[in-house]
PDB file of all heavy atoms in Angstrom:
ATOM      1  N   GLU A   1     159.236 166.831  96.298  1.00  0.00           N
ATOM      2  CA  GLU A   1     158.438 168.004  96.742  1.00  0.00           C
ATOM      3  C   GLU A   1     159.054 168.649  97.914  1.00  0.00           C
ATOM      4  O   GLU A   1     159.219 169.889  98.150  1.00  0.00           O
ATOM      5  CB  GLU A   1     157.037 167.714  97.016  1.00  0.00           C
ATOM      6  CG  GLU A   1     156.112 168.859  97.238  1.00  0.00           C
ATOM      7  CD  GLU A   1     154.612 168.402  97.356  1.00  0.00           C
ATOM      8  OE1 GLU A   1     154.292 167.452  96.855  1.00  0.00           O
ATOM      9  OE2 GLU A   1     153.909 169.167  97.986  1.00  0.00           O
ATOM     10  N   GLU A   2     159.594 167.767  98.831  1.00  0.00           N
ATOM     11  CA  GLU A   2     160.130 168.283 100.124  1.00  0.00           C
ATOM     12  C   GLU A   2     161.463 169.037 100.037  1.00  0.00           C
ATOM     13  O   GLU A   2     161.844 169.732 100.810  1.00  0.00           O
ATOM     14  CB  GLU A   2     160.288 167.197 101.159  1.00  0.00           C
ATOM     15  CG  GLU A   2     161.145 166.023 100.715  1.00  0.00           C
ATOM     16  CD  GLU A   2     160.354 164.883 100.156  1.00  0.00           C
ATOM     17  OE1 GLU A   2     159.193 165.090  99.690  1.00  0.00           O
ATOM     18  OE2 GLU A   2     160.885 163.791  99.935  1.00  0.00           O
ATOM     19  N   VAL A   3     162.160 168.887  98.797  1.00  0.00           N
ATOM     20  CA  VAL A   3     163.268 169.618  98.568  1.00  0.00           C
ATOM     21  C   VAL A   3     163.118 170.699  97.622  1.00  0.00           C
ATOM     22  O   VAL A   3     164.089 171.533  97.379  1.00  0.00           O
ATOM     23  CB  VAL A   3     164.561 168.721  98.050  1.00  0.00           C
ATOM     24  CG1 VAL A   3     164.892 167.653  99.138  1.00  0.00           C
ATOM     25  CG2 VAL A   3     164.215 168.001  96.817  1.00  0.00           C
ATOM     26  N   ALA A   4     161.982 170.924  97.158  1.00  0.00           N
ATOM     27  CA  ALA A   4     161.645 171.908  96.091  1.00  0.00           C
ATOM     28  C   ALA A   4     161.381 173.335  96.814  1.00  0.00           C
ATOM     29  O   ALA A   4     160.375 173.844  96.734  1.00  0.00           O
ATOM     30  CB  ALA A   4     160.437 171.573  95.206  1.00  0.00           C
ATOM     31  N   VAL A   5     162.473 173.748  97.657  1.00  0.00           N
ATOM     32  CA  VAL A   5     162.305 175.003  98.267  1.00  0.00           C
ATOM     33  C   VAL A   5     162.551 176.079  97.246  1.00  0.00           C
ATOM     34  O   VAL A   5     163.103 175.809  96.090  1.00  0.00           O
ATOM     35  CB  VAL A   5     163.231 175.121  99.455  1.00  0.00           C
ATOM     36  CG1 VAL A   5     162.816 174.060 100.510  1.00  0.00           C
ATOM     37  CG2 VAL A   5     164.583 174.867  99.093  1.00  0.00           C
ATOM     38  N   ASP A   6     162.293 177.361  97.511  1.00  0.00           N
ATOM     39  CA  ASP A   6     162.553 178.505  96.660  1.00  0.00           C
ATOM     40  C   ASP A   6     163.891 178.554  96.093  1.00  0.00           C
ATOM     41  O   ASP A   6     164.026 178.797  94.903  1.00  0.00           O
ATOM     42  CB  ASP A   6     162.039 179.841  97.368  1.00  0.00           C
ATOM     43  CG  ASP A   6     160.640 180.022  97.415  1.00  0.00           C
ATOM     44  OD1 ASP A   6     159.862 179.244  96.833  1.00  0.00           O
ATOM     45  OD2 ASP A   6     160.228 180.900  98.194  1.00  0.00           O
ATOM     46  N   SER A   7     164.979 178.304  96.903  1.00  0.00           N
ATOM     47  CA  SER A   7     166.294 178.456  96.383  1.00  0.00           C
ATOM     48  C   SER A   7     166.605 177.374  95.376  1.00  0.00           C
ATOM     49  O   SER A   7     167.281 177.608  94.419  1.00  0.00           O
ATOM     50  CB  SER A   7     167.331 178.321  97.580  1.00  0.00           C
ATOM     51  OG  SER A   7     167.141 177.094  98.282  1.00  0.00           O
ATOM     52  N   VAL A   8     166.004 176.179  95.489  1.00  0.00           N
ATOM     53  CA  VAL A   8     166.259 175.032  94.598  1.00  0.00           C
ATOM     54  C   VAL A   8     165.496 175.367  93.208  1.00  0.00           C
ATOM     55  O   VAL A   8     166.086 175.330  92.204  1.00  0.00           O
ATOM     56  CB  VAL A   8     165.911 173.772  95.239  1.00  0.00           C
ATOM     57  CG1 VAL A   8     165.876 172.610  94.082  1.00  0.00           C
ATOM     58  CG2 VAL A   8     166.760 173.361  96.299  1.00  0.00           C
ATOM     59  N   THR A   9     164.334 175.734  93.362  1.00  0.00           N
ATOM     60  CA  THR A   9     163.382 175.936  92.218  1.00  0.00           C
ATOM     61  C   THR A   9     163.890 177.294  91.441  1.00  0.00           C
ATOM     62  O   THR A   9     163.978 177.347  90.187  1.00  0.00           O
ATOM     63  CB  THR A   9     161.919 176.111  92.473  1.00  0.00           C
ATOM     64  OG1 THR A   9     161.751 177.130  93.435  1.00  0.00           O
ATOM     65  CG2 THR A   9     161.362 174.845  92.993  1.00  0.00           C
ATOM     66  N   ASN A  10     164.430 178.203  92.139  1.00  0.00           N
ATOM     67  CA  ASN A  10     164.985 179.405  91.514  1.00  0.00           C
ATOM     68  C   ASN A  10     166.198 179.046  90.770  1.00  0.00           C
ATOM     69  O   ASN A  10     166.499 179.518  89.603  1.00  0.00           O
ATOM     70  CB  ASN A  10     165.249 180.499  92.523  1.00  0.00           C
ATOM     71  CG  ASN A  10     164.038 181.105  93.035  1.00  0.00           C
ATOM     72  OD1 ASN A  10     162.995 181.005  92.413  1.00  0.00           O
ATOM     73  ND2 ASN A  10     164.197 181.835  94.224  1.00  0.00           N
ATOM     74  N   ALA A  11     167.111 178.266  91.322  1.00  0.00           N
ATOM     75  CA  ALA A  11     168.356 177.822  90.622  1.00  0.00           C
ATOM     76  C   ALA A  11     167.978 176.977  89.383  1.00  0.00           C
ATOM     77  O   ALA A  11     168.679 177.160  88.313  1.00  0.00           O
ATOM     78  CB  ALA A  11     169.228 177.094  91.657  1.00  0.00           C
ATOM     79  N   LEU A  12     167.096 176.005  89.560  1.00  0.00           N
ATOM     80  CA  LEU A  12     166.690 175.119  88.375  1.00  0.00           C
ATOM     81  C   LEU A  12     166.081 176.049  87.277  1.00  0.00           C
ATOM     82  O   LEU A  12     166.400 175.760  86.119  1.00  0.00           O
ATOM     83  CB  LEU A  12     165.787 174.145  88.823  1.00  0.00           C
ATOM     84  CG  LEU A  12     166.349 173.011  89.654  1.00  0.00           C
ATOM     85  CD1 LEU A  12     165.325 172.055  90.213  1.00  0.00           C
ATOM     86  CD2 LEU A  12     167.310 172.205  88.821  1.00  0.00           C
ATOM     87  N   ASN A  13     165.199 176.940  87.681  1.00  0.00           N
ATOM     88  CA  ASN A  13     164.620 177.901  86.628  1.00  0.00           C
ATOM     89  C   ASN A  13     165.711 178.770  85.936  1.00  0.00           C
ATOM     90  O   ASN A  13     165.557 178.907  84.760  1.00  0.00           O
ATOM     91  CB  ASN A  13     163.594 178.723  87.299  1.00  0.00           C
ATOM     92  CG  ASN A  13     162.309 178.007  87.612  1.00  0.00           C
ATOM     93  OD1 ASN A  13     162.079 176.950  87.045  1.00  0.00           O
ATOM     94  ND2 ASN A  13     161.563 178.481  88.648  1.00  0.00           N
ATOM     95  N   ALA A  14     166.642 179.183  86.607  1.00  0.00           N
ATOM     96  CA  ALA A  14     167.811 179.980  86.134  1.00  0.00           C
ATOM     97  C   ALA A  14     168.520 179.104  85.123  1.00  0.00           C
ATOM     98  O   ALA A  14     168.822 179.650  83.973  1.00  0.00           O
ATOM     99  CB  ALA A  14     168.636 180.585  87.198  1.00  0.00           C
ATOM    100  N   VAL A  15     168.806 177.972  85.430  1.00  0.00           N
ATOM    101  CA  VAL A  15     169.573 177.005  84.423  1.00  0.00           C
ATOM    102  C   VAL A  15     168.695 176.765  83.226  1.00  0.00           C
ATOM    103  O   VAL A  15     169.154 176.823  82.113  1.00  0.00           O
ATOM    104  CB  VAL A  15     170.063 175.801  85.260  1.00  0.00           C
ATOM    105  CG1 VAL A  15     170.660 174.899  84.132  1.00  0.00           C
ATOM    106  CG2 VAL A  15     171.100 176.184  86.192  1.00  0.00           C
ATOM    107  N   SER A  16     167.402 176.330  83.519  1.00  0.00           N
ATOM    108  CA  SER A  16     166.533 175.988  82.385  1.00  0.00           C
ATOM    109  C   SER A  16     166.260 177.149  81.417  1.00  0.00           C
ATOM    110  O   SER A  16     166.095 176.917  80.179  1.00  0.00           O
ATOM    111  CB  SER A  16     165.240 175.605  83.002  1.00  0.00           C
ATOM    112  OG  SER A  16     165.311 174.394  83.777  1.00  0.00           O
ATOM    113  N   GLU A  17     166.469 178.370  81.880  1.00  0.00           N
ATOM    114  CA  GLU A  17     166.166 179.513  81.075  1.00  0.00           C
ATOM    115  C   GLU A  17     167.239 179.695  80.083  1.00  0.00           C
ATOM    116  O   GLU A  17     166.932 180.209  78.942  1.00  0.00           O
ATOM    117  CB  GLU A  17     166.037 180.813  81.984  1.00  0.00           C
ATOM    118  CG  GLU A  17     165.536 182.007  81.450  1.00  0.00           C
ATOM    119  CD  GLU A  17     165.352 183.199  82.360  1.00  0.00           C
ATOM    120  OE1 GLU A  17     164.761 182.837  83.437  1.00  0.00           O
ATOM    121  OE2 GLU A  17     165.911 184.191  82.133  1.00  0.00           O
ATOM    122  N   VAL A  18     168.426 179.277  80.344  1.00  0.00           N
ATOM    123  CA  VAL A  18     169.588 179.509  79.409  1.00  0.00           C
ATOM    124  C   VAL A  18     170.103 178.252  78.706  1.00  0.00           C
ATOM    125  O   VAL A  18     171.037 178.309  77.967  1.00  0.00           O
ATOM    126  CB  VAL A  18     170.745 180.227  80.152  1.00  0.00           C
ATOM    127  CG1 VAL A  18     170.285 181.668  80.596  1.00  0.00           C
ATOM    128  CG2 VAL A  18     171.225 179.387  81.389  1.00  0.00           C
ATOM    129  N   LEU A  19     169.466 177.153  79.112  1.00  0.00           N
ATOM    130  CA  LEU A  19     169.856 175.943  78.528  1.00  0.00           C
ATOM    131  C   LEU A  19     169.277 175.663  77.163  1.00  0.00           C
ATOM    132  O   LEU A  19     168.017 175.523  77.054  1.00  0.00           O
ATOM    133  CB  LEU A  19     169.612 174.688  79.407  1.00  0.00           C
ATOM    134  CG  LEU A  19     170.288 173.406  79.277  1.00  0.00           C
ATOM    135  CD1 LEU A  19     171.790 173.694  79.502  1.00  0.00           C
ATOM    136  CD2 LEU A  19     169.806 172.422  80.413  1.00  0.00           C
ATOM    137  N   THR A  20     169.946 175.671  76.136  1.00  0.00           N
ATOM    138  CA  THR A  20     169.493 175.487  74.727  1.00  0.00           C
ATOM    139  C   THR A  20     170.179 174.355  74.046  1.00  0.00           C
ATOM    140  O   THR A  20     171.172 173.738  74.592  1.00  0.00           O
ATOM    141  CB  THR A  20     169.766 176.737  73.862  1.00  0.00           C
ATOM    142  OG1 THR A  20     171.131 176.811  73.700  1.00  0.00           O
ATOM    143  CG2 THR A  20     169.173 177.993  74.506  1.00  0.00           C
ATOM    144  N   THR A  21     169.476 173.791  72.970  1.00  0.00           N
ATOM    145  CA  THR A  21     170.132 172.795  72.163  1.00  0.00           C
ATOM    146  C   THR A  21     171.619 173.155  71.875  1.00  0.00           C
ATOM    147  O   THR A  21     172.413 172.330  71.945  1.00  0.00           O
ATOM    148  CB  THR A  21     169.297 172.459  70.968  1.00  0.00           C
ATOM    149  OG1 THR A  21     168.125 172.083  71.425  1.00  0.00           O
ATOM    150  CG2 THR A  21     169.965 171.366  70.143  1.00  0.00           C
ATOM    151  N   GLN A  22     171.806 174.328  71.444  1.00  0.00           N
ATOM    152  CA  GLN A  22     173.109 174.769  71.000  1.00  0.00           C
ATOM    153  C   GLN A  22     174.155 174.780  72.186  1.00  0.00           C
ATOM    154  O   GLN A  22     175.249 174.298  71.964  1.00  0.00           O
ATOM    155  CB  GLN A  22     173.014 176.210  70.496  1.00  0.00           C
ATOM    156  CG  GLN A  22     174.387 176.754  70.014  1.00  0.00           C
ATOM    157  CD  GLN A  22     174.291 178.186  69.413  1.00  0.00           C
ATOM    158  OE1 GLN A  22     173.224 178.698  69.223  1.00  0.00           O
ATOM    159  NE2 GLN A  22     175.348 178.722  68.967  1.00  0.00           N
ATOM    160  N   THR A  23     173.732 175.193  73.385  1.00  0.00           N
ATOM    161  CA  THR A  23     174.716 175.128  74.500  1.00  0.00           C
ATOM    162  C   THR A  23     174.968 173.716  74.953  1.00  0.00           C
ATOM    163  O   THR A  23     175.974 173.389  75.337  1.00  0.00           O
ATOM    164  CB  THR A  23     174.182 176.103  75.681  1.00  0.00           C
ATOM    165  OG1 THR A  23     172.834 175.556  76.071  1.00  0.00           O
ATOM    166  CG2 THR A  23     174.128 177.484  75.265  1.00  0.00           C
ATOM    167  N   VAL A  24     173.842 172.801  74.826  1.00  0.00           N
ATOM    168  CA  VAL A  24     174.112 171.426  75.354  1.00  0.00           C
ATOM    169  C   VAL A  24     175.034 170.728  74.253  1.00  0.00           C
ATOM    170  O   VAL A  24     176.065 170.032  74.642  1.00  0.00           O
ATOM    171  CB  VAL A  24     172.786 170.763  75.340  1.00  0.00           C
ATOM    172  CG1 VAL A  24     172.936 169.216  75.474  1.00  0.00           C
ATOM    173  CG2 VAL A  24     171.908 171.233  76.528  1.00  0.00           C
ATOM    174  N   THR A  25     174.794 171.001  72.932  1.00  0.00           N
ATOM    175  CA  THR A  25     175.667 170.508  71.944  1.00  0.00           C
ATOM    176  C   THR A  25     177.148 170.890  72.170  1.00  0.00           C
ATOM    177  O   THR A  25     178.119 170.138  72.016  1.00  0.00           O
ATOM    178  CB  THR A  25     175.189 170.926  70.583  1.00  0.00           C
ATOM    179  OG1 THR A  25     173.915 170.471  70.459  1.00  0.00           O
ATOM    180  CG2 THR A  25     176.145 170.422  69.422  1.00  0.00           C
ATOM    181  N   GLU A  26     177.376 172.233  72.487  1.00  0.00           N
ATOM    182  CA  GLU A  26     178.647 172.684  72.661  1.00  0.00           C
ATOM    183  C   GLU A  26     179.333 172.153  73.932  1.00  0.00           C
ATOM    184  O   GLU A  26     180.497 171.604  73.930  1.00  0.00           O
ATOM    185  CB  GLU A  26     178.650 174.212  72.933  1.00  0.00           C
ATOM    186  CG  GLU A  26     179.918 174.856  73.376  1.00  0.00           C
ATOM    187  CD  GLU A  26     181.098 174.764  72.265  1.00  0.00           C
ATOM    188  OE1 GLU A  26     180.825 174.412  71.057  1.00  0.00           O
ATOM    189  OE2 GLU A  26     182.244 174.910  72.692  1.00  0.00           O
ATOM    190  N   MET A  27     178.601 171.911  74.908  1.00  0.00           N
ATOM    191  CA  MET A  27     179.146 171.220  76.208  1.00  0.00           C
ATOM    192  C   MET A  27     179.494 169.751  75.951  1.00  0.00           C
ATOM    193  O   MET A  27     180.511 169.253  76.357  1.00  0.00           O
ATOM    194  CB  MET A  27     178.071 171.413  77.431  1.00  0.00           C
ATOM    195  CG  MET A  27     178.040 172.708  78.023  1.00  0.00           C
ATOM    196  SD  MET A  27     177.136 172.804  79.488  1.00  0.00           S
ATOM    197  CE  MET A  27     175.346 172.783  78.832  1.00  0.00           C
ATOM    198  N   ILE A  28     178.587 169.080  75.174  1.00  0.00           N
ATOM    199  CA  ILE A  28     178.914 167.740  74.902  1.00  0.00           C
ATOM    200  C   ILE A  28     180.109 167.606  73.990  1.00  0.00           C
ATOM    201  O   ILE A  28     181.039 166.658  74.176  1.00  0.00           O
ATOM    202  CB  ILE A  28     177.643 166.995  74.135  1.00  0.00           C
ATOM    203  CG1 ILE A  28     176.503 166.820  75.175  1.00  0.00           C
ATOM    204  CG2 ILE A  28     178.100 165.730  73.442  1.00  0.00           C
ATOM    205  CD1 ILE A  28     175.245 166.465  74.434  1.00  0.00           C
ATOM    206  N   ARG A  29     180.365 168.434  73.022  1.00  0.00           N
ATOM    207  CA  ARG A  29     181.573 168.555  72.236  1.00  0.00           C
ATOM    208  C   ARG A  29     182.801 168.655  73.193  1.00  0.00           C
ATOM    209  O   ARG A  29     183.815 168.044  72.939  1.00  0.00           O
ATOM    210  CB  ARG A  29     181.504 169.603  71.133  1.00  0.00           C
ATOM    211  CG  ARG A  29     182.813 169.731  70.317  1.00  0.00           C
ATOM    212  CD  ARG A  29     182.960 171.074  69.558  1.00  0.00           C
ATOM    213  NE  ARG A  29     183.081 172.235  70.412  1.00  0.00           N
ATOM    214  CZ  ARG A  29     184.144 172.513  71.112  1.00  0.00           C
ATOM    215  NH1 ARG A  29     185.202 171.726  71.074  1.00  0.00           N
ATOM    216  NH2 ARG A  29     184.248 173.525  71.841  1.00  0.00           N
TER     217      ARG A  29
END
């Protein structure tokens, strides 16, 4: 909680928004 400042949560939300099974599969490949 103490590190969940706006910049961190915004960055995590931005990544979560575009992270899909397809993109994870491609990265693992």
